[in-house]
Amino acid sequence: MDKGVEARTEQGAHGNAPALEPFQHSAALSLGVELEVQLVNTHDYDLAPYSDEMIRMMRRMPLPGSVVPEMTSSMLEVSTGVCHSSSEVLGQLTVLRDALVKCADKMNIAVVGGGTHPFQQWHEQRIYDRPRFRQLSELYGYLSKQFTIFGQHVHVGCPDADSALLMLHRMSRYIPHFIALSASSPFVQGQDTQFDSARLNSVFAFPMSGRAPFCLGWDDFGKFFAKTTRTGVVKSMKDFYWDIRPKPEYGTIEIRVFDTPLTVERATALAGFVQALAAWFLHEQPFVPQEDDYMVYTYNRFQACRFGLDAVYVEPTTGEHMPLREHILQTLRRIDEHAHDVGATTAIDVLRFSADLCANDARWLRETQSRERLLAEMVRQAAQRFRG
């Protein structure tokens, strides 16, 4: 068994502090995708609290992956099983999407992508009745209901624990790319926020959000985890809302900054981008991450949230300022060969086209609203788009 898998925290020496789970084996470059989706009524296209009924209906259907509740009762999370290519991700997400639409049609509601609902009122939302969600509501108060936001999470398999941490910190340079390409949350509480991804502002309100600590070895990460759990602030990895976090129980890292796209095809393209980047990292070891990379991290993250594909990107090692879309296009060219090797060429082509046109889902939502002048009609059209 390799050193990373054996790693444990010093639980015995420190009372009842929870132990860090051992890093499990997974196939390198395997993928898993989670999508949080909106349930809306078909009267005024506001959020509709029907997650329980949807889950009951969907559990009767043979589906890949899983369907689970989320923090409030107008949300659902659907997840693929372990996939080995973006085409497999698309196949599973399509089955899950079709099941969502079929069940929603029976209930006269609709399913929508997007990182925020454009005009829901947070105080009207109901916390889903599950012990963890009730505990979070008691701890975080109104922030729990404001967490009625919708993201895509992408897991990528890593060969071992130390490789996972190296992968995590390499991926961190590309957080702005992920944000800008997935941004789909320009509207909040009936207003255009002027952000392409306003969703991530809600995530940043939580005390354990942001970036992971700079540890490149699992033993060092175990020591960090032991110190943190001794304080009682966290009890498990679930309590960290980092942009990217290791998931030792799956043998993956989990990237959490994506807004839920308006279509499963775009969600698939984003997963393919992650897989191609990971292949580049594993096969070429193109750079060694440094703590100093994070000096521009928050600025780059803000730029991508605020301006999307029109953002400025600061290159961490040189300090050079350049258009983010230009850096995205350079990156896509650099990983072309690896994308081909993992079957992600179509995914890269979709994102290249998007960056070329400076077009993401936030732009589609704004253009639709500008044309229709009615947020409910924009949501209706987004629901039609989600159906495929």
Protein backbone atom coordinates (compact mmCIF):
# COMPACT_ATOMS: atom_id res chain seq x y z
CA MET A 1 0.00 0.00 0.00
CA ASP A 2 1.45 3.37 -0.90
CA LYS A 3 2.34 6.03 1.64
CA GLY A 4 -0.59 8.27 0.70
CA VAL A 5 -3.17 5.52 1.24
CA GLU A 6 -1.67 4.66 4.63
CA ALA A 7 -1.81 8.25 5.88
CA ARG A 8 -3.84 8.82 9.05
CA THR A 9 -4.23 11.70 11.44
CA GLU A 10 -2.94 11.34 14.96
CA GLN A 11 -6.35 10.57 16.40
CA GLY A 12 -5.13 8.51 19.29
CA ALA A 13 -2.83 11.26 20.51
CA HIS A 14 -5.52 13.91 20.43
CA GLY A 15 -8.64 12.52 21.99
CA ASN A 16 -11.75 12.26 19.88
CA ALA A 17 -10.70 14.34 16.87
CA PRO A 18 -12.04 12.65 13.73
CA ALA A 19 -9.49 10.86 11.59
CA LEU A 20 -8.80 11.86 8.01
CA GLU A 21 -10.09 9.09 5.78
CA PRO A 22 -7.47 7.10 3.89
CA PHE A 23 -7.15 8.08 0.24
CA GLN A 24 -8.87 5.34 -1.72
CA HIS A 25 -7.76 3.96 -5.06
CA SER A 26 -9.46 5.28 -8.17
CA ALA A 27 -8.69 5.04 -11.87
CA ALA A 28 -6.50 7.99 -12.83
CA LEU A 29 -8.43 10.50 -14.96
CA SER A 30 -11.82 8.90 -14.25
CA LEU A 31 -14.66 11.41 -13.99
CA GLY A 32 -17.74 11.98 -11.90
CA VAL A 33 -20.14 14.91 -12.35
CA GLU A 34 -22.75 16.34 -9.98
CA LEU A 35 -25.35 18.86 -11.13
CA GLU A 36 -27.57 20.89 -8.81
CA VAL A 37 -30.74 21.85 -10.68
CA GLN A 38 -33.70 24.15 -10.07
CA LEU A 39 -37.30 23.02 -9.77
CA VAL A 40 -39.75 25.72 -10.91
CA ASN A 41 -43.52 25.86 -11.29
CA THR A 42 -45.01 26.46 -14.73
CA HIS A 43 -47.30 29.27 -13.56
CA ASP A 44 -44.82 32.06 -12.84
CA TYR A 45 -41.55 30.07 -13.09
CA ASP A 46 -40.58 30.75 -9.48
CA LEU A 47 -38.90 27.98 -7.48
CA ALA A 48 -41.20 25.11 -6.47
CA PRO A 49 -40.60 22.94 -3.33
CA TYR A 50 -41.11 19.52 -4.93
CA SER A 51 -37.76 17.78 -4.43
CA ASP A 52 -39.30 15.00 -2.26
CA GLU A 53 -41.88 14.08 -4.88
CA MET A 54 -39.29 14.18 -7.67
CA ILE A 55 -36.91 11.92 -5.73
CA ARG A 56 -39.67 9.40 -5.04
CA MET A 57 -40.59 9.23 -8.73
CA MET A 58 -37.02 9.03 -9.97
CA ARG A 59 -36.08 6.26 -7.54
CA ARG A 60 -38.52 3.99 -9.36
CA MET A 61 -36.56 4.43 -12.58
CA PRO A 62 -33.35 2.58 -13.56
CA LEU A 63 -30.80 5.41 -13.57
CA PRO A 64 -27.03 5.76 -13.51
CA GLY A 65 -25.56 7.53 -10.51
CA SER A 66 -27.88 9.04 -7.92
CA VAL A 67 -30.55 11.66 -7.19
CA VAL A 68 -30.43 13.34 -3.77
CA PRO A 69 -31.93 16.40 -2.03
CA GLU A 70 -30.02 19.61 -1.45
CA MET A 71 -30.14 22.35 1.17
CA THR A 72 -33.57 23.71 0.25
CA SER A 73 -36.56 21.85 -1.13
CA SER A 74 -36.61 23.45 -4.59
CA MET A 75 -33.23 21.91 -5.44
CA LEU A 76 -32.08 18.49 -6.59
CA GLU A 77 -28.61 17.08 -7.12
CA VAL A 78 -28.10 14.44 -9.80
CA SER A 79 -24.78 12.61 -10.08
CA THR A 80 -23.23 10.31 -12.64
CA GLY A 81 -21.48 7.11 -11.69
CA VAL A 82 -17.76 6.72 -12.35
CA CYS A 83 -17.10 7.59 -16.01
CA HIS A 84 -13.93 7.23 -18.09
CA SER A 85 -14.62 9.72 -20.86
CA SER A 86 -16.66 12.84 -21.51
CA SER A 87 -18.84 10.88 -23.94
CA GLU A 88 -19.74 8.52 -21.08
CA VAL A 89 -20.51 11.56 -18.90
CA LEU A 90 -22.81 12.88 -21.63
CA GLY A 91 -24.58 9.53 -21.93
CA GLN A 92 -25.29 9.37 -18.20
CA LEU A 93 -26.25 13.04 -17.85
CA THR A 94 -28.63 12.68 -20.80
CA VAL A 95 -30.40 9.74 -19.13
CA LEU A 96 -30.62 11.69 -15.86
CA ARG A 97 -31.84 14.83 -17.66
CA ASP A 98 -34.52 12.92 -19.54
CA ALA A 99 -35.73 11.33 -16.29
CA LEU A 100 -35.86 14.74 -14.58
CA VAL A 101 -37.90 16.20 -17.43
CA LYS A 102 -40.26 13.22 -17.59
CA CYS A 103 -40.99 13.33 -13.85
CA ALA A 104 -41.32 17.13 -13.83
CA ASP A 105 -43.80 17.00 -16.72
CA LYS A 106 -46.01 14.62 -14.71
CA MET A 107 -46.06 17.15 -11.87
CA ASN A 108 -46.57 20.18 -14.12
CA ILE A 109 -43.27 21.71 -13.03
CA ALA A 110 -40.03 22.31 -14.95
CA VAL A 111 -36.31 21.74 -14.42
CA VAL A 112 -33.82 24.50 -15.14
CA GLY A 113 -30.05 24.92 -15.16
CA GLY A 114 -28.23 28.11 -14.19
CA GLY A 115 -26.26 29.06 -11.09
CA THR A 116 -29.00 31.20 -9.50
CA HIS A 117 -32.73 31.51 -9.88
CA PRO A 118 -33.15 35.08 -11.15
CA PHE A 119 -35.97 36.30 -8.93
CA GLN A 120 -36.63 33.84 -6.06
CA GLN A 121 -36.74 35.33 -2.55
CA TRP A 122 -34.39 33.52 -0.18
CA HIS A 123 -36.65 33.97 2.86
CA GLU A 124 -39.41 31.94 1.15
CA GLN A 125 -37.24 28.83 0.77
CA ARG A 126 -37.67 25.77 2.99
CA ILE A 127 -34.71 23.90 4.47
CA TYR A 128 -34.92 20.26 3.37
CA ASP A 129 -35.77 18.03 6.35
CA ARG A 130 -32.53 16.14 6.86
CA PRO A 131 -30.35 16.22 10.03
CA ARG A 132 -27.25 17.67 8.32
CA PHE A 133 -29.25 20.43 6.61
CA ARG A 134 -31.02 21.29 9.90
CA GLN A 135 -27.65 21.49 11.69
CA LEU A 136 -26.23 23.73 8.97
CA SER A 137 -29.31 25.95 9.18
CA GLU A 138 -28.89 26.30 12.94
CA LEU A 139 -25.21 27.15 12.51
CA TYR A 140 -25.37 29.49 9.51
CA GLY A 141 -28.81 31.08 9.95
CA TYR A 142 -30.11 32.96 6.92
CA LEU A 143 -27.00 32.02 4.89
CA SER A 144 -28.43 28.50 4.62
CA LYS A 145 -31.47 29.72 2.70
CA GLN A 146 -29.30 32.06 0.65
CA PHE A 147 -27.41 28.91 -0.33
CA THR A 148 -30.26 28.19 -2.75
CA ILE A 149 -27.68 28.35 -5.53
CA PHE A 150 -26.83 25.77 -8.12
CA GLY A 151 -23.41 24.43 -9.07
CA GLN A 152 -21.70 21.71 -11.05
CA HIS A 153 -19.02 19.68 -9.29
CA VAL A 154 -16.47 17.66 -11.27
CA HIS A 155 -14.46 14.83 -9.69
CA VAL A 156 -11.31 13.61 -11.39
CA GLY A 157 -9.52 10.42 -10.30
CA CYS A 158 -5.93 10.64 -9.07
CA PRO A 159 -3.38 7.79 -8.85
CA ASP A 160 -2.55 8.41 -5.17
CA ALA A 161 -2.93 10.94 -2.38
CA ASP A 162 0.21 12.98 -3.05
CA SER A 163 -0.65 13.17 -6.76
CA ALA A 164 -4.12 14.43 -5.78
CA LEU A 165 -2.70 17.39 -3.84
CA LEU A 166 -0.29 18.23 -6.65
CA MET A 167 -3.21 18.03 -9.10
CA LEU A 168 -5.36 20.24 -6.85
CA HIS A 169 -2.81 23.06 -6.72
CA ARG A 170 -2.07 22.85 -10.44
CA MET A 171 -5.82 23.06 -11.19
CA SER A 172 -6.05 26.16 -9.01
CA ARG A 173 -4.37 28.24 -11.71
CA TYR A 174 -7.34 27.44 -13.96
CA ILE A 175 -10.13 28.35 -11.54
CA PRO A 176 -10.82 31.62 -13.46
CA HIS A 177 -11.11 29.62 -16.70
CA PHE A 178 -13.67 27.28 -15.11
CA ILE A 179 -15.67 30.18 -13.67
CA ALA A 180 -15.80 32.20 -16.89
CA LEU A 181 -16.72 29.24 -19.10
CA SER A 182 -19.49 28.01 -16.78
CA ALA A 183 -20.86 31.38 -15.57
CA SER A 184 -24.66 31.35 -15.59
CA SER A 185 -25.78 33.42 -12.61
CA PRO A 186 -26.05 37.09 -13.60
CA PHE A 187 -29.45 37.68 -11.94
CA VAL A 188 -30.23 37.62 -8.20
CA GLN A 189 -33.43 38.73 -6.43
CA GLY A 190 -34.78 40.22 -9.66
CA GLN A 191 -31.69 42.32 -10.44
CA ASP A 192 -28.83 42.08 -12.91
CA THR A 193 -25.87 41.91 -10.53
CA GLN A 194 -23.37 42.93 -13.25
CA PHE A 195 -21.52 39.70 -12.34
CA ASP A 196 -21.41 36.79 -14.78
CA SER A 197 -21.22 34.46 -11.76
CA ALA A 198 -22.93 36.02 -8.75
CA ARG A 199 -23.39 32.53 -7.27
CA LEU A 200 -19.84 32.37 -5.97
CA ASN A 201 -20.37 35.51 -3.86
CA SER A 202 -22.83 33.45 -1.79
CA VAL A 203 -20.28 30.65 -1.38
CA PHE A 204 -17.63 33.12 -0.18
CA ALA A 205 -19.86 34.08 2.76
CA PHE A 206 -19.11 30.73 4.44
CA PRO A 207 -16.13 30.65 6.83
CA MET A 208 -14.55 27.48 5.37
CA SER A 209 -14.70 28.61 1.73
CA GLY A 210 -11.87 29.83 -0.49
CA ARG A 211 -8.71 27.89 -1.28
CA ALA A 212 -7.20 24.75 0.19
CA PRO A 213 -4.02 25.05 2.30
CA PHE A 214 -0.78 24.70 0.39
CA CYS A 215 0.18 21.11 1.17
CA LEU A 216 1.85 18.95 -1.48
CA GLY A 217 2.07 15.79 0.65
CA TRP A 218 -0.76 13.79 2.21
CA ASP A 219 1.09 13.51 5.52
CA ASP A 220 1.24 17.31 5.77
CA PHE A 221 -2.41 17.56 4.80
CA GLY A 222 -3.24 15.02 7.51
CA LYS A 223 -1.50 17.23 10.07
CA PHE A 224 -3.48 20.26 8.88
CA PHE A 225 -6.71 18.26 9.11
CA ALA A 226 -5.84 17.09 12.64
CA LYS A 227 -5.16 20.66 13.80
CA THR A 228 -8.42 21.90 12.27
CA THR A 229 -10.60 19.14 13.69
CA ARG A 230 -9.04 19.58 17.16
CA THR A 231 -10.53 23.08 17.19
CA GLY A 232 -13.99 21.57 16.60
CA VAL A 233 -14.58 23.95 13.68
CA VAL A 234 -14.79 21.05 11.22
CA LYS A 235 -15.68 17.40 11.69
CA SER A 236 -15.11 16.03 8.17
CA MET A 237 -14.01 17.03 4.68
CA LYS A 238 -17.66 17.97 3.95
CA ASP A 239 -17.23 21.01 6.19
CA PHE A 240 -14.70 22.56 3.80
CA TYR A 241 -16.35 24.63 1.05
CA TRP A 242 -13.08 25.14 -0.82
CA ASP A 243 -13.06 25.85 -4.55
CA ILE A 244 -11.24 22.52 -4.96
CA ARG A 245 -11.01 19.89 -2.25
CA PRO A 246 -9.64 16.36 -2.03
CA LYS A 247 -12.23 13.60 -1.67
CA PRO A 248 -10.25 10.77 -0.10
CA GLU A 249 -13.26 8.42 0.09
CA TYR A 250 -13.46 8.50 -3.72
CA GLY A 251 -9.78 8.86 -4.58
CA THR A 252 -10.49 12.14 -6.40
CA ILE A 253 -10.23 15.88 -6.23
CA GLU A 254 -13.51 17.78 -6.56
CA ILE A 255 -13.72 21.10 -8.43
CA ARG A 256 -16.64 23.13 -7.11
CA VAL A 257 -16.56 26.56 -8.81
CA PHE A 258 -18.69 25.80 -11.87
CA ASP A 259 -22.17 27.30 -12.09
CA THR A 260 -24.68 24.70 -13.26
CA PRO A 261 -24.80 25.17 -17.05
CA LEU A 262 -28.06 25.58 -18.94
CA THR A 263 -27.50 22.28 -20.82
CA VAL A 264 -26.00 18.89 -20.05
CA GLU A 265 -23.90 19.24 -23.21
CA ARG A 266 -22.06 22.23 -21.74
CA ALA A 267 -21.70 20.45 -18.40
CA THR A 268 -20.06 17.59 -20.30
CA ALA A 269 -17.71 19.94 -22.15
CA LEU A 270 -16.52 21.40 -18.83
CA ALA A 271 -15.87 17.90 -17.46
CA GLY A 272 -13.90 17.06 -20.60
CA PHE A 273 -11.79 20.20 -20.10
CA VAL A 274 -10.97 19.10 -16.54
CA GLN A 275 -10.01 15.61 -17.74
CA ALA A 276 -7.76 16.95 -20.52
CA LEU A 277 -6.03 19.35 -18.10
CA ALA A 278 -5.53 16.50 -15.62
CA ALA A 279 -4.01 14.33 -18.37
CA TRP A 280 -1.60 17.16 -19.25
CA PHE A 281 -0.59 17.51 -15.61
CA LEU A 282 -0.04 13.77 -15.10
CA HIS A 283 1.85 13.10 -18.32
CA GLU A 284 3.94 16.26 -18.71
CA GLN A 285 4.25 17.65 -15.15
CA PRO A 286 4.26 21.11 -16.82
CA PHE A 287 4.99 23.15 -13.70
CA VAL A 288 5.40 22.82 -9.94
CA PRO A 289 2.80 24.84 -8.03
CA GLN A 290 4.07 27.41 -5.53
CA GLU A 291 2.46 29.14 -2.58
CA ASP A 292 3.13 32.42 -4.43
CA ASP A 293 0.66 31.30 -7.13
CA TYR A 294 -2.05 32.27 -4.67
CA MET A 295 -0.96 35.93 -4.49
CA VAL A 296 -3.15 36.63 -7.56
CA TYR A 297 -5.71 33.89 -6.92
CA THR A 298 -8.45 36.01 -5.35
CA TYR A 299 -8.00 38.78 -7.92
CA ASN A 300 -8.23 36.36 -10.85
CA ARG A 301 -11.24 34.66 -9.26
CA PHE A 302 -13.02 38.00 -8.79
CA GLN A 303 -12.27 39.08 -12.36
CA ALA A 304 -13.78 35.86 -13.76
CA CYS A 305 -16.88 36.13 -11.56
CA ARG A 306 -17.42 39.78 -12.42
CA PHE A 307 -16.53 39.91 -16.11
CA GLY A 308 -16.65 36.28 -17.29
CA LEU A 309 -14.82 35.79 -20.58
CA ASP A 310 -14.06 39.54 -20.70
CA ALA A 311 -11.97 39.27 -17.53
CA VAL A 312 -8.30 40.11 -17.11
CA TYR A 313 -6.04 37.20 -16.10
CA VAL A 314 -2.80 37.72 -14.17
CA GLU A 315 -0.31 34.95 -14.94
CA PRO A 316 0.89 33.79 -11.48
CA THR A 317 4.59 33.28 -12.29
CA THR A 318 5.29 36.29 -14.53
CA GLY A 319 2.66 38.77 -13.34
CA GLU A 320 1.70 39.39 -16.99
CA HIS A 321 -1.82 40.77 -17.50
CA MET A 322 -3.76 39.40 -20.47
CA PRO A 323 -7.38 38.82 -21.50
CA LEU A 324 -8.66 35.68 -19.80
CA ARG A 325 -10.27 34.43 -23.02
CA GLU A 326 -6.84 34.63 -24.68
CA HIS A 327 -5.31 32.53 -21.91
CA ILE A 328 -8.18 30.05 -22.22
CA LEU A 329 -7.55 29.69 -25.96
CA GLN A 330 -3.80 29.23 -25.35
CA THR A 331 -4.55 26.56 -22.74
CA LEU A 332 -6.95 24.71 -25.05
CA ARG A 333 -4.29 24.62 -27.78
CA ARG A 334 -1.69 23.38 -25.30
CA ILE A 335 -3.82 20.44 -24.15
CA ASP A 336 -5.21 19.47 -27.58
CA GLU A 337 -3.13 16.29 -27.82
CA HIS A 338 -4.14 15.16 -24.33
CA ALA A 339 -7.78 15.95 -25.08
CA HIS A 340 -7.55 13.68 -28.11
CA ASP A 341 -5.99 10.90 -26.01
CA VAL A 342 -8.82 10.95 -23.43
CA GLY A 343 -11.60 11.42 -25.99
CA ALA A 344 -12.32 15.04 -25.04
CA THR A 345 -11.74 16.68 -28.44
CA THR A 346 -15.43 17.55 -28.85
CA ALA A 347 -15.49 19.09 -25.36
CA ILE A 348 -12.47 21.26 -26.15
CA ASP A 349 -13.99 22.34 -29.48
CA VAL A 350 -17.22 23.43 -27.74
CA LEU A 351 -15.27 25.58 -25.26
CA ARG A 352 -12.95 26.97 -27.93
CA PHE A 353 -15.98 28.12 -29.91
CA SER A 354 -17.41 29.69 -26.75
CA ALA A 355 -14.18 31.54 -25.95
CA ASP A 356 -13.79 32.67 -29.58
CA LEU A 357 -17.25 34.26 -29.50
CA CYS A 358 -16.91 35.44 -25.88
CA ALA A 359 -20.21 33.64 -25.26
CA ASN A 360 -21.17 31.85 -22.05
CA ASP A 361 -24.54 31.03 -20.48
CA ALA A 362 -24.58 34.35 -18.59
CA ARG A 363 -24.51 36.14 -21.93
CA TRP A 364 -27.38 33.97 -23.25
CA LEU A 365 -29.46 34.79 -20.16
CA ARG A 366 -28.81 38.53 -20.49
CA GLU A 367 -29.58 38.55 -24.21
CA THR A 368 -32.81 36.61 -23.60
CA GLN A 369 -33.88 39.01 -20.84
CA SER A 370 -33.00 42.01 -22.98
CA ARG A 371 -35.22 40.65 -25.75
CA GLU A 372 -38.15 39.43 -23.62
CA ARG A 373 -38.09 42.04 -20.82
CA LEU A 374 -39.55 39.46 -18.41
CA LEU A 375 -37.50 37.28 -16.08
CA ALA A 376 -40.18 34.58 -15.90
CA GLU A 377 -40.10 34.24 -19.70
CA MET A 378 -36.31 33.97 -19.55
CA VAL A 379 -36.65 31.10 -17.05
CA ARG A 380 -39.26 29.43 -19.25
CA GLN A 381 -36.91 29.53 -22.22
CA ALA A 382 -34.03 28.27 -20.06
CA ALA A 383 -36.23 25.32 -19.02
CA GLN A 384 -36.87 24.58 -22.71
CA ARG A 385 -33.14 24.73 -23.33
CA PHE A 386 -32.44 22.28 -20.49
CA ARG A 387 -34.86 19.77 -22.05
CA GLY A 388 -32.59 19.57 -25.09
